ModelCIF file with pLDDT and N, C-alpha, C, O atoms, coordinates in Angstrom:
data_MODEL
#
_entry.id   MODEL 
#
_entity.id                         1 
_entity.type                       polymer 
_entity.pdbx_number_of_molecules   1 
#
_entity_poly.entity_id                      1 
_entity_poly.type                           'polypeptide(L)' 
_entity_poly.nstd_linkage                   no 
_entity_poly.nstd_monomer                   no 
_entity_poly.pdbx_seq_one_letter_code       FFVFNNKYAISGAQPGPVFSEVLDTVWAEEQQAPSLQVVGQPKADTA 
_entity_poly.pdbx_seq_one_letter_code_can   FFVFNNKYAISGAQPGPVFSEVLDTVWAEEQQAPSLQVVGQPKADTA 
_entity_poly.pdbx_strand_id                 A 
#
loop_
_entity_poly_seq.entity_id 
_entity_poly_seq.num 
_entity_poly_seq.mon_id 
_entity_poly_seq.hetero 
1 1  PHE n 
1 2  PHE n 
1 3  VAL n 
1 4  PHE n 
1 5  ASN n 
1 6  ASN n 
1 7  LYS n 
1 8  TYR n 
1 9  ALA n 
1 10 ILE n 
1 11 SER n 
1 12 GLY n 
1 13 ALA n 
1 14 GLN n 
1 15 PRO n 
1 16 GLY n 
1 17 PRO n 
1 18 VAL n 
1 19 PHE n 
1 20 SER n 
1 21 GLU n 
1 22 VAL n 
1 23 LEU n 
1 24 ASP n 
1 25 THR n 
1 26 VAL n 
1 27 TRP n 
1 28 ALA n 
1 29 GLU n 
1 30 GLU n 
1 31 GLN n 
1 32 GLN n 
1 33 ALA n 
1 34 PRO n 
1 35 SER n 
1 36 LEU n 
1 37 GLN n 
1 38 VAL n 
1 39 VAL n 
1 40 GLY n 
1 41 GLN n 
1 42 PRO n 
1 43 LYS n 
1 44 ALA n 
1 45 ASP n 
1 46 THR n 
1 47 ALA n 
#
_struct_asym.id          A 
_struct_asym.entity_id   1 
#
loop_
_ma_qa_metric.id 
_ma_qa_metric.mode 
_ma_qa_metric.name 
_ma_qa_metric.software_group_id 
_ma_qa_metric.type 
1 global pLDDT . pLDDT 
2 local  pLDDT . pLDDT 
#
_ma_qa_metric_global.metric_id      1 
_ma_qa_metric_global.metric_value   83.91 
_ma_qa_metric_global.model_id       1 
_ma_qa_metric_global.ordinal_id     1 
#
loop_
_ma_qa_metric_local.label_asym_id 
_ma_qa_metric_local.label_comp_id 
_ma_qa_metric_local.label_seq_id 
_ma_qa_metric_local.metric_id 
_ma_qa_metric_local.metric_value 
_ma_qa_metric_local.model_id 
_ma_qa_metric_local.ordinal_id 
A PHE 1  2 97.00 1 1  
A PHE 2  2 98.00 1 2  
A VAL 3  2 97.00 1 3  
A PHE 4  2 97.00 1 4  
A ASN 5  2 96.00 1 5  
A ASN 6  2 95.00 1 6  
A LYS 7  2 95.00 1 7  
A TYR 8  2 96.00 1 8  
A ALA 9  2 97.00 1 9  
A ILE 10 2 97.00 1 10 
A SER 11 2 97.00 1 11 
A GLY 12 2 96.00 1 12 
A ALA 13 2 97.00 1 13 
A GLN 14 2 96.00 1 14 
A PRO 15 2 96.00 1 15 
A GLY 16 2 96.00 1 16 
A PRO 17 2 97.00 1 17 
A VAL 18 2 97.00 1 18 
A PHE 19 2 98.00 1 19 
A SER 20 2 97.00 1 20 
A GLU 21 2 97.00 1 21 
A VAL 22 2 97.00 1 22 
A LEU 23 2 97.00 1 23 
A ASP 24 2 97.00 1 24 
A THR 25 2 95.00 1 25 
A VAL 26 2 95.00 1 26 
A TRP 27 2 95.00 1 27 
A ALA 28 2 93.00 1 28 
A GLU 29 2 91.00 1 29 
A GLU 30 2 88.00 1 30 
A GLN 31 2 86.00 1 31 
A GLN 32 2 83.00 1 32 
A ALA 33 2 59.00 1 33 
A PRO 34 2 63.00 1 34 
A SER 35 2 61.00 1 35 
A LEU 36 2 65.00 1 36 
A GLN 37 2 65.00 1 37 
A VAL 38 2 70.00 1 38 
A VAL 39 2 72.00 1 39 
A GLY 40 2 65.00 1 40 
A GLN 41 2 57.00 1 41 
A PRO 42 2 59.00 1 42 
A LYS 43 2 59.00 1 43 
A ALA 44 2 54.00 1 44 
A ASP 45 2 52.00 1 45 
A THR 46 2 48.00 1 46 
A ALA 47 2 49.00 1 47 
#
loop_
_atom_site.group_PDB 
_atom_site.id 
_atom_site.type_symbol 
_atom_site.label_atom_id 
_atom_site.label_alt_id 
_atom_site.label_comp_id 
_atom_site.label_asym_id 
_atom_site.label_entity_id 
_atom_site.label_seq_id 
_atom_site.pdbx_PDB_ins_code 
_atom_site.Cartn_x 
_atom_site.Cartn_y 
_atom_site.Cartn_z 
_atom_site.occupancy 
_atom_site.B_iso_or_equiv 
_atom_site.pdbx_formal_charge 
_atom_site.auth_seq_id 
_atom_site.auth_comp_id 
_atom_site.auth_asym_id 
_atom_site.auth_atom_id 
_atom_site.pdbx_PDB_model_num 
ATOM 1   N N  . PHE A 1 1  ? 0.860  -1.176 0.000   1.00 97.00 ? 1  PHE A N  1 
ATOM 2   C CA . PHE A 1 1  ? 0.000  0.000  0.000   1.00 97.00 ? 1  PHE A CA 1 
ATOM 3   C C  . PHE A 1 1  ? 0.896  1.226  0.000   1.00 97.00 ? 1  PHE A C  1 
ATOM 4   O O  . PHE A 1 1  ? 1.706  1.414  0.908   1.00 97.00 ? 1  PHE A O  1 
ATOM 5   N N  . PHE A 1 2  ? 0.748  2.055  -1.018  1.00 98.00 ? 2  PHE A N  1 
ATOM 6   C CA . PHE A 1 2  ? 1.624  3.206  -1.225  1.00 98.00 ? 2  PHE A CA 1 
ATOM 7   C C  . PHE A 1 2  ? 0.840  4.496  -1.018  1.00 98.00 ? 2  PHE A C  1 
ATOM 8   O O  . PHE A 1 2  ? -0.226 4.676  -1.607  1.00 98.00 ? 2  PHE A O  1 
ATOM 9   N N  . VAL A 1 3  ? 1.358  5.390  -0.188  1.00 97.00 ? 3  VAL A N  1 
ATOM 10  C CA . VAL A 1 3  ? 0.703  6.666  0.064   1.00 97.00 ? 3  VAL A CA 1 
ATOM 11  C C  . VAL A 1 3  ? 1.655  7.793  -0.342  1.00 97.00 ? 3  VAL A C  1 
ATOM 12  O O  . VAL A 1 3  ? 2.787  7.873  0.135   1.00 97.00 ? 3  VAL A O  1 
ATOM 13  N N  . PHE A 1 4  ? 1.166  8.664  -1.239  1.00 97.00 ? 4  PHE A N  1 
ATOM 14  C CA . PHE A 1 4  ? 1.971  9.756  -1.771  1.00 97.00 ? 4  PHE A CA 1 
ATOM 15  C C  . PHE A 1 4  ? 1.545  11.073 -1.111  1.00 97.00 ? 4  PHE A C  1 
ATOM 16  O O  . PHE A 1 4  ? 0.410  11.524 -1.272  1.00 97.00 ? 4  PHE A O  1 
ATOM 17  N N  . ASN A 1 5  ? 2.477  11.680 -0.364  1.00 96.00 ? 5  ASN A N  1 
ATOM 18  C CA . ASN A 1 5  ? 2.226  12.974 0.278   1.00 96.00 ? 5  ASN A CA 1 
ATOM 19  C C  . ASN A 1 5  ? 0.947  12.981 1.115   1.00 96.00 ? 5  ASN A C  1 
ATOM 20  O O  . ASN A 1 5  ? 0.276  14.006 1.229   1.00 96.00 ? 5  ASN A O  1 
ATOM 21  N N  . ASN A 1 6  ? 0.624  11.843 1.691   1.00 95.00 ? 6  ASN A N  1 
ATOM 22  C CA . ASN A 1 6  ? -0.587 11.736 2.530   1.00 95.00 ? 6  ASN A CA 1 
ATOM 23  C C  . ASN A 1 6  ? -1.851 12.162 1.795   1.00 95.00 ? 6  ASN A C  1 
ATOM 24  O O  . ASN A 1 6  ? -2.828 12.582 2.415   1.00 95.00 ? 6  ASN A O  1 
ATOM 25  N N  . LYS A 1 7  ? -1.826 12.050 0.458   1.00 95.00 ? 7  LYS A N  1 
ATOM 26  C CA . LYS A 1 7  ? -2.969 12.524 -0.320  1.00 95.00 ? 7  LYS A CA 1 
ATOM 27  C C  . LYS A 1 7  ? -3.475 11.500 -1.323  1.00 95.00 ? 7  LYS A C  1 
ATOM 28  O O  . LYS A 1 7  ? -4.684 11.341 -1.492  1.00 95.00 ? 7  LYS A O  1 
ATOM 29  N N  . TYR A 1 8  ? -2.566 10.808 -1.986  1.00 96.00 ? 8  TYR A N  1 
ATOM 30  C CA . TYR A 1 8  ? -2.942 9.812  -2.986  1.00 96.00 ? 8  TYR A CA 1 
ATOM 31  C C  . TYR A 1 8  ? -2.438 8.443  -2.546  1.00 96.00 ? 8  TYR A C  1 
ATOM 32  O O  . TYR A 1 8  ? -1.385 8.338  -1.917  1.00 96.00 ? 8  TYR A O  1 
ATOM 33  N N  . ALA A 1 9  ? -3.182 7.402  -2.871  1.00 97.00 ? 9  ALA A N  1 
ATOM 34  C CA . ALA A 1 9  ? -2.785 6.047  -2.478  1.00 97.00 ? 9  ALA A CA 1 
ATOM 35  C C  . ALA A 1 9  ? -2.904 5.090  -3.655  1.00 97.00 ? 9  ALA A C  1 
ATOM 36  O O  . ALA A 1 9  ? -3.780 5.230  -4.509  1.00 97.00 ? 9  ALA A O  1 
ATOM 37  N N  . ILE A 1 10 ? -2.010 4.125  -3.679  1.00 97.00 ? 10 ILE A N  1 
ATOM 38  C CA . ILE A 1 10 ? -2.068 3.018  -4.636  1.00 97.00 ? 10 ILE A CA 1 
ATOM 39  C C  . ILE A 1 10 ? -2.104 1.732  -3.829  1.00 97.00 ? 10 ILE A C  1 
ATOM 40  O O  . ILE A 1 10 ? -1.237 1.497  -2.986  1.00 97.00 ? 10 ILE A O  1 
ATOM 41  N N  . SER A 1 11 ? -3.086 0.916  -4.079  1.00 97.00 ? 11 SER A N  1 
ATOM 42  C CA . SER A 1 11 ? -3.219 -0.363 -3.380  1.00 97.00 ? 11 SER A CA 1 
ATOM 43  C C  . SER A 1 11 ? -2.817 -1.491 -4.310  1.00 97.00 ? 11 SER A C  1 
ATOM 44  O O  . SER A 1 11 ? -3.371 -1.639 -5.399  1.00 97.00 ? 11 SER A O  1 
ATOM 45  N N  . GLY A 1 12 ? -1.850 -2.285 -3.875  1.00 96.00 ? 12 GLY A N  1 
ATOM 46  C CA . GLY A 1 12 ? -1.413 -3.429 -4.662  1.00 96.00 ? 12 GLY A CA 1 
ATOM 47  C C  . GLY A 1 12 ? -0.257 -3.115 -5.599  1.00 96.00 ? 12 GLY A C  1 
ATOM 48  O O  . GLY A 1 12 ? 0.138  -1.961 -5.768  1.00 96.00 ? 12 GLY A O  1 
ATOM 49  N N  . ALA A 1 13 ? 0.277  -4.179 -6.206  1.00 97.00 ? 13 ALA A N  1 
ATOM 50  C CA . ALA A 1 13 ? 1.406  -4.038 -7.128  1.00 97.00 ? 13 ALA A CA 1 
ATOM 51  C C  . ALA A 1 13 ? 0.881  -3.669 -8.508  1.00 97.00 ? 13 ALA A C  1 
ATOM 52  O O  . ALA A 1 13 ? 0.883  -4.485 -9.429  1.00 97.00 ? 13 ALA A O  1 
ATOM 53  N N  . GLN A 1 14 ? 0.434  -2.430 -8.633  1.00 96.00 ? 14 GLN A N  1 
ATOM 54  C CA . GLN A 1 14 ? -0.159 -1.968 -9.885  1.00 96.00 ? 14 GLN A CA 1 
ATOM 55  C C  . GLN A 1 14 ? 0.901  -1.852 -10.990 1.00 96.00 ? 14 GLN A C  1 
ATOM 56  O O  . GLN A 1 14 ? 2.094  -1.777 -10.696 1.00 96.00 ? 14 GLN A O  1 
ATOM 57  N N  . PRO A 1 15 ? 0.470  -1.836 -12.253 1.00 96.00 ? 15 PRO A N  1 
ATOM 58  C CA . PRO A 1 15 ? 1.426  -1.674 -13.359 1.00 96.00 ? 15 PRO A CA 1 
ATOM 59  C C  . PRO A 1 15 ? 2.197  -0.366 -13.253 1.00 96.00 ? 15 PRO A C  1 
ATOM 60  O O  . PRO A 1 15 ? 1.732  0.599  -12.647 1.00 96.00 ? 15 PRO A O  1 
ATOM 61  N N  . GLY A 1 16 ? 3.377  -0.350 -13.847 1.00 96.00 ? 16 GLY A N  1 
ATOM 62  C CA . GLY A 1 16 ? 4.247  0.816  -13.782 1.00 96.00 ? 16 GLY A CA 1 
ATOM 63  C C  . GLY A 1 16 ? 3.597  2.132  -14.159 1.00 96.00 ? 16 GLY A C  1 
ATOM 64  O O  . GLY A 1 16 ? 3.815  3.129  -13.471 1.00 96.00 ? 16 GLY A O  1 
ATOM 65  N N  . PRO A 1 17 ? 2.794  2.179  -15.241 1.00 97.00 ? 17 PRO A N  1 
ATOM 66  C CA . PRO A 1 17 ? 2.175  3.452  -15.636 1.00 97.00 ? 17 PRO A CA 1 
ATOM 67  C C  . PRO A 1 17 ? 1.286  4.064  -14.554 1.00 97.00 ? 17 PRO A C  1 
ATOM 68  O O  . PRO A 1 17 ? 1.121  5.283  -14.505 1.00 97.00 ? 17 PRO A O  1 
ATOM 69  N N  . VAL A 1 18 ? 0.714  3.228  -13.687 1.00 97.00 ? 18 VAL A N  1 
ATOM 70  C CA . VAL A 1 18 ? -0.114 3.754  -12.591 1.00 97.00 ? 18 VAL A CA 1 
ATOM 71  C C  . VAL A 1 18 ? 0.764  4.556  -11.625 1.00 97.00 ? 18 VAL A C  1 
ATOM 72  O O  . VAL A 1 18 ? 0.388  5.646  -11.193 1.00 97.00 ? 18 VAL A O  1 
ATOM 73  N N  . PHE A 1 19 ? 1.925  4.011  -11.294 1.00 98.00 ? 19 PHE A N  1 
ATOM 74  C CA . PHE A 1 19 ? 2.856  4.727  -10.419 1.00 98.00 ? 19 PHE A CA 1 
ATOM 75  C C  . PHE A 1 19 ? 3.321  6.023  -11.077 1.00 98.00 ? 19 PHE A C  1 
ATOM 76  O O  . PHE A 1 19 ? 3.387  7.068  -10.429 1.00 98.00 ? 19 PHE A O  1 
ATOM 77  N N  . SER A 1 20 ? 3.642  5.947  -12.363 1.00 97.00 ? 20 SER A N  1 
ATOM 78  C CA . SER A 1 20 ? 4.121  7.134  -13.073 1.00 97.00 ? 20 SER A CA 1 
ATOM 79  C C  . SER A 1 20 ? 3.065  8.229  -13.096 1.00 97.00 ? 20 SER A C  1 
ATOM 80  O O  . SER A 1 20 ? 3.382  9.409  -12.944 1.00 97.00 ? 20 SER A O  1 
ATOM 81  N N  . GLU A 1 21 ? 1.813  7.837  -13.286 1.00 97.00 ? 21 GLU A N  1 
ATOM 82  C CA . GLU A 1 21 ? 0.734  8.826  -13.331 1.00 97.00 ? 21 GLU A CA 1 
ATOM 83  C C  . GLU A 1 21 ? 0.590  9.559  -11.999 1.00 97.00 ? 21 GLU A C  1 
ATOM 84  O O  . GLU A 1 21 ? 0.436  10.780 -11.964 1.00 97.00 ? 21 GLU A O  1 
ATOM 85  N N  . VAL A 1 22 ? 0.642  8.799  -10.904 1.00 97.00 ? 22 VAL A N  1 
ATOM 86  C CA . VAL A 1 22 ? 0.513  9.437  -9.591  1.00 97.00 ? 22 VAL A CA 1 
ATOM 87  C C  . VAL A 1 22 ? 1.728  10.306 -9.298  1.00 97.00 ? 22 VAL A C  1 
ATOM 88  O O  . VAL A 1 22 ? 1.590  11.408 -8.767  1.00 97.00 ? 22 VAL A O  1 
ATOM 89  N N  . LEU A 1 23 ? 2.905  9.823  -9.636  1.00 97.00 ? 23 LEU A N  1 
ATOM 90  C CA . LEU A 1 23 ? 4.110  10.628 -9.432  1.00 97.00 ? 23 LEU A CA 1 
ATOM 91  C C  . LEU A 1 23 ? 4.004  11.955 -10.167 1.00 97.00 ? 23 LEU A C  1 
ATOM 92  O O  . LEU A 1 23 ? 4.324  13.002 -9.604  1.00 97.00 ? 23 LEU A O  1 
ATOM 93  N N  . ASP A 1 24 ? 3.558  11.925 -11.415 1.00 97.00 ? 24 ASP A N  1 
ATOM 94  C CA . ASP A 1 24 ? 3.435  13.152 -12.206 1.00 97.00 ? 24 ASP A CA 1 
ATOM 95  C C  . ASP A 1 24 ? 2.386  14.091 -11.611 1.00 97.00 ? 24 ASP A C  1 
ATOM 96  O O  . ASP A 1 24 ? 2.566  15.308 -11.599 1.00 97.00 ? 24 ASP A O  1 
ATOM 97  N N  . THR A 1 25 ? 1.287  13.509 -11.117 1.00 95.00 ? 25 THR A N  1 
ATOM 98  C CA . THR A 1 25 ? 0.225  14.327 -10.532 1.00 95.00 ? 25 THR A CA 1 
ATOM 99  C C  . THR A 1 25 ? 0.711  15.046 -9.279  1.00 95.00 ? 25 THR A C  1 
ATOM 100 O O  . THR A 1 25 ? 0.503  16.248 -9.117  1.00 95.00 ? 25 THR A O  1 
ATOM 101 N N  . VAL A 1 26 ? 1.361  14.294 -8.396  1.00 95.00 ? 26 VAL A N  1 
ATOM 102 C CA . VAL A 1 26 ? 1.847  14.887 -7.156  1.00 95.00 ? 26 VAL A CA 1 
ATOM 103 C C  . VAL A 1 26 ? 2.936  15.915 -7.447  1.00 95.00 ? 26 VAL A C  1 
ATOM 104 O O  . VAL A 1 26 ? 2.981  16.971 -6.817  1.00 95.00 ? 26 VAL A O  1 
ATOM 105 N N  . TRP A 1 27 ? 3.799  15.610 -8.387  1.00 95.00 ? 27 TRP A N  1 
ATOM 106 C CA . TRP A 1 27 ? 4.879  16.526 -8.752  1.00 95.00 ? 27 TRP A CA 1 
ATOM 107 C C  . TRP A 1 27 ? 4.318  17.844 -9.295  1.00 95.00 ? 27 TRP A C  1 
ATOM 108 O O  . TRP A 1 27 ? 4.789  18.924 -8.938  1.00 95.00 ? 27 TRP A O  1 
ATOM 109 N N  . ALA A 1 28 ? 3.314  17.741 -10.155 1.00 93.00 ? 28 ALA A N  1 
ATOM 110 C CA . ALA A 1 28 ? 2.711  18.945 -10.730 1.00 93.00 ? 28 ALA A CA 1 
ATOM 111 C C  . ALA A 1 28 ? 2.084  19.804 -9.634  1.00 93.00 ? 28 ALA A C  1 
ATOM 112 O O  . ALA A 1 28 ? 2.182  21.031 -9.673  1.00 93.00 ? 28 ALA A O  1 
ATOM 113 N N  . GLU A 1 29 ? 1.451  19.174 -8.672  1.00 91.00 ? 29 GLU A N  1 
ATOM 114 C CA . GLU A 1 29 ? 0.850  19.930 -7.569  1.00 91.00 ? 29 GLU A CA 1 
ATOM 115 C C  . GLU A 1 29 ? 1.907  20.619 -6.723  1.00 91.00 ? 29 GLU A C  1 
ATOM 116 O O  . GLU A 1 29 ? 1.704  21.737 -6.250  1.00 91.00 ? 29 GLU A O  1 
ATOM 117 N N  . GLU A 1 30 ? 3.035  19.948 -6.534  1.00 88.00 ? 30 GLU A N  1 
ATOM 118 C CA . GLU A 1 30 ? 4.099  20.546 -5.721  1.00 88.00 ? 30 GLU A CA 1 
ATOM 119 C C  . GLU A 1 30 ? 4.738  21.745 -6.412  1.00 88.00 ? 30 GLU A C  1 
ATOM 120 O O  . GLU A 1 30 ? 5.226  22.661 -5.750  1.00 88.00 ? 30 GLU A O  1 
ATOM 121 N N  . GLN A 1 31 ? 4.736  21.738 -7.741  1.00 86.00 ? 31 GLN A N  1 
ATOM 122 C CA . GLN A 1 31 ? 5.384  22.818 -8.481  1.00 86.00 ? 31 GLN A CA 1 
ATOM 123 C C  . GLN A 1 31 ? 4.502  24.054 -8.620  1.00 86.00 ? 31 GLN A C  1 
ATOM 124 O O  . GLN A 1 31 ? 4.986  25.131 -8.969  1.00 86.00 ? 31 GLN A O  1 
ATOM 125 N N  . GLN A 1 32 ? 3.227  23.902 -8.350  1.00 83.00 ? 32 GLN A N  1 
ATOM 126 C CA . GLN A 1 32 ? 2.315  25.026 -8.469  1.00 83.00 ? 32 GLN A CA 1 
ATOM 127 C C  . GLN A 1 32 ? 2.436  25.932 -7.244  1.00 83.00 ? 32 GLN A C  1 
ATOM 128 O O  . GLN A 1 32 ? 2.251  25.486 -6.112  1.00 83.00 ? 32 GLN A O  1 
ATOM 129 N N  . ALA A 1 33 ? 2.745  27.199 -7.479  1.00 59.00 ? 33 ALA A N  1 
ATOM 130 C CA . ALA A 1 33 ? 2.820  28.157 -6.372  1.00 59.00 ? 33 ALA A CA 1 
ATOM 131 C C  . ALA A 1 33 ? 1.402  28.445 -5.895  1.00 59.00 ? 33 ALA A C  1 
ATOM 132 O O  . ALA A 1 33 ? 0.533  28.761 -6.707  1.00 59.00 ? 33 ALA A O  1 
ATOM 133 N N  . PRO A 1 34 ? 1.161  28.344 -4.620  1.00 63.00 ? 34 PRO A N  1 
ATOM 134 C CA . PRO A 1 34 ? -0.198 28.607 -4.125  1.00 63.00 ? 34 PRO A CA 1 
ATOM 135 C C  . PRO A 1 34 ? -0.595 30.066 -4.351  1.00 63.00 ? 34 PRO A C  1 
ATOM 136 O O  . PRO A 1 34 ? 0.203  30.979 -4.134  1.00 63.00 ? 34 PRO A O  1 
ATOM 137 N N  . SER A 1 35 ? -1.825 30.270 -4.783  1.00 61.00 ? 35 SER A N  1 
ATOM 138 C CA . SER A 1 35 ? -2.307 31.639 -4.983  1.00 61.00 ? 35 SER A CA 1 
ATOM 139 C C  . SER A 1 35 ? -2.506 32.298 -3.624  1.00 61.00 ? 35 SER A C  1 
ATOM 140 O O  . SER A 1 35 ? -2.953 31.661 -2.671  1.00 61.00 ? 35 SER A O  1 
ATOM 141 N N  . LEU A 1 36 ? -2.173 33.569 -3.550  1.00 65.00 ? 36 LEU A N  1 
ATOM 142 C CA . LEU A 1 36 ? -2.237 34.303 -2.286  1.00 65.00 ? 36 LEU A CA 1 
ATOM 143 C C  . LEU A 1 36 ? -3.589 34.989 -2.155  1.00 65.00 ? 36 LEU A C  1 
ATOM 144 O O  . LEU A 1 36 ? -3.964 35.820 -2.982  1.00 65.00 ? 36 LEU A O  1 
ATOM 145 N N  . GLN A 1 37 ? -4.306 34.629 -1.110  1.00 65.00 ? 37 GLN A N  1 
ATOM 146 C CA . GLN A 1 37 ? -5.593 35.251 -0.834  1.00 65.00 ? 37 GLN A CA 1 
ATOM 147 C C  . GLN A 1 37 ? -5.415 36.283 0.278   1.00 65.00 ? 37 GLN A C  1 
ATOM 148 O O  . GLN A 1 37 ? -5.061 35.924 1.401   1.00 65.00 ? 37 GLN A O  1 
ATOM 149 N N  . VAL A 1 38 ? -5.656 37.548 -0.018  1.00 70.00 ? 38 VAL A N  1 
ATOM 150 C CA . VAL A 1 38 ? -5.470 38.618 0.959   1.00 70.00 ? 38 VAL A CA 1 
ATOM 151 C C  . VAL A 1 38 ? -6.773 38.839 1.711   1.00 70.00 ? 38 VAL A C  1 
ATOM 152 O O  . VAL A 1 38 ? -7.811 39.097 1.102   1.00 70.00 ? 38 VAL A O  1 
ATOM 153 N N  . VAL A 1 39 ? -6.719 38.740 3.029   1.00 72.00 ? 39 VAL A N  1 
ATOM 154 C CA . VAL A 1 39 ? -7.889 38.938 3.880   1.00 72.00 ? 39 VAL A CA 1 
ATOM 155 C C  . VAL A 1 39 ? -7.701 40.219 4.680   1.00 72.00 ? 39 VAL A C  1 
ATOM 156 O O  . VAL A 1 39 ? -6.652 40.405 5.296   1.00 72.00 ? 39 VAL A O  1 
ATOM 157 N N  . GLY A 1 40 ? -8.688 41.102 4.685   1.00 65.00 ? 40 GLY A N  1 
ATOM 158 C CA . GLY A 1 40 ? -8.577 42.348 5.456   1.00 65.00 ? 40 GLY A CA 1 
ATOM 159 C C  . GLY A 1 40 ? -7.739 43.386 4.748   1.00 65.00 ? 40 GLY A C  1 
ATOM 160 O O  . GLY A 1 40 ? -6.762 43.879 5.312   1.00 65.00 ? 40 GLY A O  1 
ATOM 161 N N  . GLN A 1 41 ? -8.102 43.731 3.510   1.00 57.00 ? 41 GLN A N  1 
ATOM 162 C CA . GLN A 1 41 ? -7.349 44.735 2.748   1.00 57.00 ? 41 GLN A CA 1 
ATOM 163 C C  . GLN A 1 41 ? -7.374 46.080 3.482   1.00 57.00 ? 41 GLN A C  1 
ATOM 164 O O  . GLN A 1 41 ? -8.458 46.567 3.802   1.00 57.00 ? 41 GLN A O  1 
ATOM 165 N N  . PRO A 1 42 ? -6.199 46.708 3.766   1.00 59.00 ? 42 PRO A N  1 
ATOM 166 C CA . PRO A 1 42 ? -6.173 48.000 4.486   1.00 59.00 ? 42 PRO A CA 1 
ATOM 167 C C  . PRO A 1 42 ? -6.886 49.094 3.698   1.00 59.00 ? 42 PRO A C  1 
ATOM 168 O O  . PRO A 1 42 ? -6.909 49.070 2.467   1.00 59.00 ? 42 PRO A O  1 
ATOM 169 N N  . LYS A 1 43 ? -7.464 50.046 4.413   1.00 59.00 ? 43 LYS A N  1 
ATOM 170 C CA . LYS A 1 43 ? -8.108 51.188 3.780   1.00 59.00 ? 43 LYS A CA 1 
ATOM 171 C C  . LYS A 1 43 ? -7.056 52.148 3.221   1.00 59.00 ? 43 LYS A C  1 
ATOM 172 O O  . LYS A 1 43 ? -5.937 52.224 3.727   1.00 59.00 ? 43 LYS A O  1 
ATOM 173 N N  . ALA A 1 44 ? -7.423 52.854 2.206   1.00 54.00 ? 44 ALA A N  1 
ATOM 174 C CA . ALA A 1 44 ? -6.494 53.838 1.633   1.00 54.00 ? 44 ALA A CA 1 
ATOM 175 C C  . ALA A 1 44 ? -6.224 54.951 2.636   1.00 54.00 ? 44 ALA A C  1 
ATOM 176 O O  . ALA A 1 44 ? -7.115 55.358 3.381   1.00 54.00 ? 44 ALA A O  1 
ATOM 177 N N  . ASP A 1 45 ? -4.984 55.440 2.648   1.00 52.00 ? 45 ASP A N  1 
ATOM 178 C CA . ASP A 1 45 ? -4.616 56.529 3.569   1.00 52.00 ? 45 ASP A CA 1 
ATOM 179 C C  . ASP A 1 45 ? -5.099 57.863 2.992   1.00 52.00 ? 45 ASP A C  1 
ATOM 180 O O  . ASP A 1 45 ? -4.510 58.392 2.049   1.00 52.00 ? 45 ASP A O  1 
ATOM 181 N N  . THR A 1 46 ? -6.153 58.385 3.558   1.00 48.00 ? 46 THR A N  1 
ATOM 182 C CA . THR A 1 46 ? -6.720 59.637 3.050   1.00 48.00 ? 46 THR A CA 1 
ATOM 183 C C  . THR A 1 46 ? -6.114 60.860 3.700   1.00 48.00 ? 46 THR A C  1 
ATOM 184 O O  . THR A 1 46 ? -6.377 61.992 3.295   1.00 48.00 ? 46 THR A O  1 
ATOM 185 N N  . ALA A 1 47 ? -5.282 60.616 4.733   1.00 49.00 ? 47 ALA A N  1 
ATOM 186 C CA . ALA A 1 47 ? -4.720 61.754 5.463   1.00 49.00 ? 47 ALA A CA 1 
ATOM 187 C C  . ALA A 1 47 ? -3.424 62.251 4.858   1.00 49.00 ? 47 ALA A C  1 
ATOM 188 O O  . ALA A 1 47 ? -2.832 63.205 5.364   1.00 49.00 ? 47 ALA A O  1 
#
């Protein structure tokens, strides 16, 4: 039983392409920079 980054799992001795597909998926997710969500935007300085 194989668990990738505590997110994806492969059960059993699956064919090689199954492992490659999961590796590519996890790798692509790791390379994506998370988008920054700004909470509480400051008010403009009117003074």
